[in-house]
């Protein structure tokens, strides 16, 4: 992708602070993998506590791993100089 196209694509995105204000759950990917794992674990624990047993069935270990990977992929930042 040409540099100008990449810059235009980044510029057309909604600002991060607006995305965060609309989100139910935010994963901060500025730290280590261990910190991200702790965040995902805390979120899943909180969902289980608030939503009850039915979400334990829907959020299988595979679902939790997928949630973590999606968070890693979508929360990473792209800088173009």
Protein backbone atom coordinates (compact mmCIF):
# COMPACT_ATOMS: atom_id res chain seq x y z
CA UNK A 1 0.00 0.00 0.00
CA UNK A 2 1.41 3.41 -0.88
CA UNK A 3 2.34 5.66 2.04
CA UNK A 4 -0.25 8.31 1.11
CA UNK A 5 -3.01 5.67 1.05
CA UNK A 6 -1.93 4.40 4.47
CA UNK A 7 -1.96 7.93 5.90
CA UNK A 8 -5.41 8.58 4.42
CA UNK A 9 -6.74 5.34 5.89
CA UNK A 10 -5.40 6.19 9.35
CA UNK A 11 -6.75 9.75 9.12
CA UNK A 12 -10.23 8.48 8.20
CA UNK A 13 -10.54 6.35 11.35
CA UNK A 14 -12.54 7.41 14.37
CA UNK A 15 -10.26 8.88 17.07
CA UNK A 16 -9.22 6.42 19.80
CA UNK A 17 -10.76 8.48 22.60
CA UNK A 18 -14.14 8.35 20.82
CA UNK A 19 -13.85 4.57 20.34
CA UNK A 20 -12.99 4.17 24.02
CA UNK A 21 -16.00 6.28 25.07
CA UNK A 22 -18.29 3.99 23.06
CA UNK A 23 -16.74 0.68 24.13
CA UNK A 24 -18.12 -1.64 26.80
CA UNK A 25 -14.69 -3.21 27.33
CA UNK A 26 -11.28 -1.72 26.54
CA UNK A 27 -8.06 -3.71 26.36
CA UNK A 28 -4.92 -1.62 26.74
CA UNK A 29 -2.16 -3.14 24.61
CA UNK A 30 0.61 -0.73 25.61
CA UNK A 31 2.20 -3.12 28.11
CA UNK A 32 3.55 -6.64 28.17
CA UNK A 33 1.83 -9.81 27.03
CA UNK A 34 1.49 -10.77 30.70
CA UNK A 35 -0.32 -7.49 31.45
CA UNK A 36 -2.66 -8.09 28.53
CA UNK A 37 -3.34 -11.64 29.76
CA UNK A 38 -4.18 -10.21 33.21
CA UNK A 39 -6.62 -7.73 31.61
CA UNK A 40 -8.36 -10.47 29.61
CA UNK A 41 -8.54 -12.71 32.66
CA UNK A 42 -9.99 -9.88 34.76
CA UNK A 43 -12.60 -9.05 32.11
CA UNK A 44 -13.69 -12.68 31.75
CA UNK A 45 -13.88 -13.08 35.54
CA UNK A 46 -15.97 -9.91 35.78
CA UNK A 47 -18.33 -11.12 33.01
CA UNK A 48 -18.76 -14.45 34.79
CA UNK A 49 -19.52 -12.68 38.06
CA UNK A 50 -22.02 -10.23 36.53
CA UNK A 51 -23.70 -12.47 33.97
CA UNK A 52 -23.84 -15.81 35.76
CA UNK A 53 -23.27 -19.39 34.74
CA UNK A 54 -24.67 -19.18 31.19
CA UNK A 55 -21.74 -17.03 30.03
CA UNK A 56 -19.30 -19.62 31.36
CA UNK A 57 -20.77 -21.99 28.82
CA UNK A 58 -20.57 -19.47 25.96
CA UNK A 59 -17.08 -18.24 26.88
CA UNK A 60 -15.15 -21.45 26.49
CA UNK A 61 -11.34 -21.44 26.77
CA UNK A 62 -11.19 -21.13 22.98
CA UNK A 63 -13.46 -18.08 23.14
CA UNK A 64 -11.28 -16.49 25.80
CA UNK A 65 -8.15 -17.02 23.71
CA UNK A 66 -9.93 -15.59 20.68
CA UNK A 67 -10.99 -12.56 22.74
CA UNK A 68 -7.38 -12.01 23.74
CA UNK A 69 -6.13 -12.32 20.19
CA UNK A 70 -8.77 -9.95 18.85
CA UNK A 71 -7.79 -7.48 21.55
CA UNK A 72 -4.14 -7.77 20.62
CA UNK A 73 -4.83 -7.35 16.92
CA UNK A 74 -7.32 -4.50 17.19
CA UNK A 75 -5.65 -2.56 19.97
CA UNK A 76 -2.20 -2.42 18.44
CA UNK A 77 -1.25 0.93 17.04
CA UNK A 78 0.24 1.66 13.64
CA UNK A 79 2.58 4.61 13.32
CA UNK A 80 3.56 6.01 9.97
CA UNK A 81 6.45 8.45 9.89
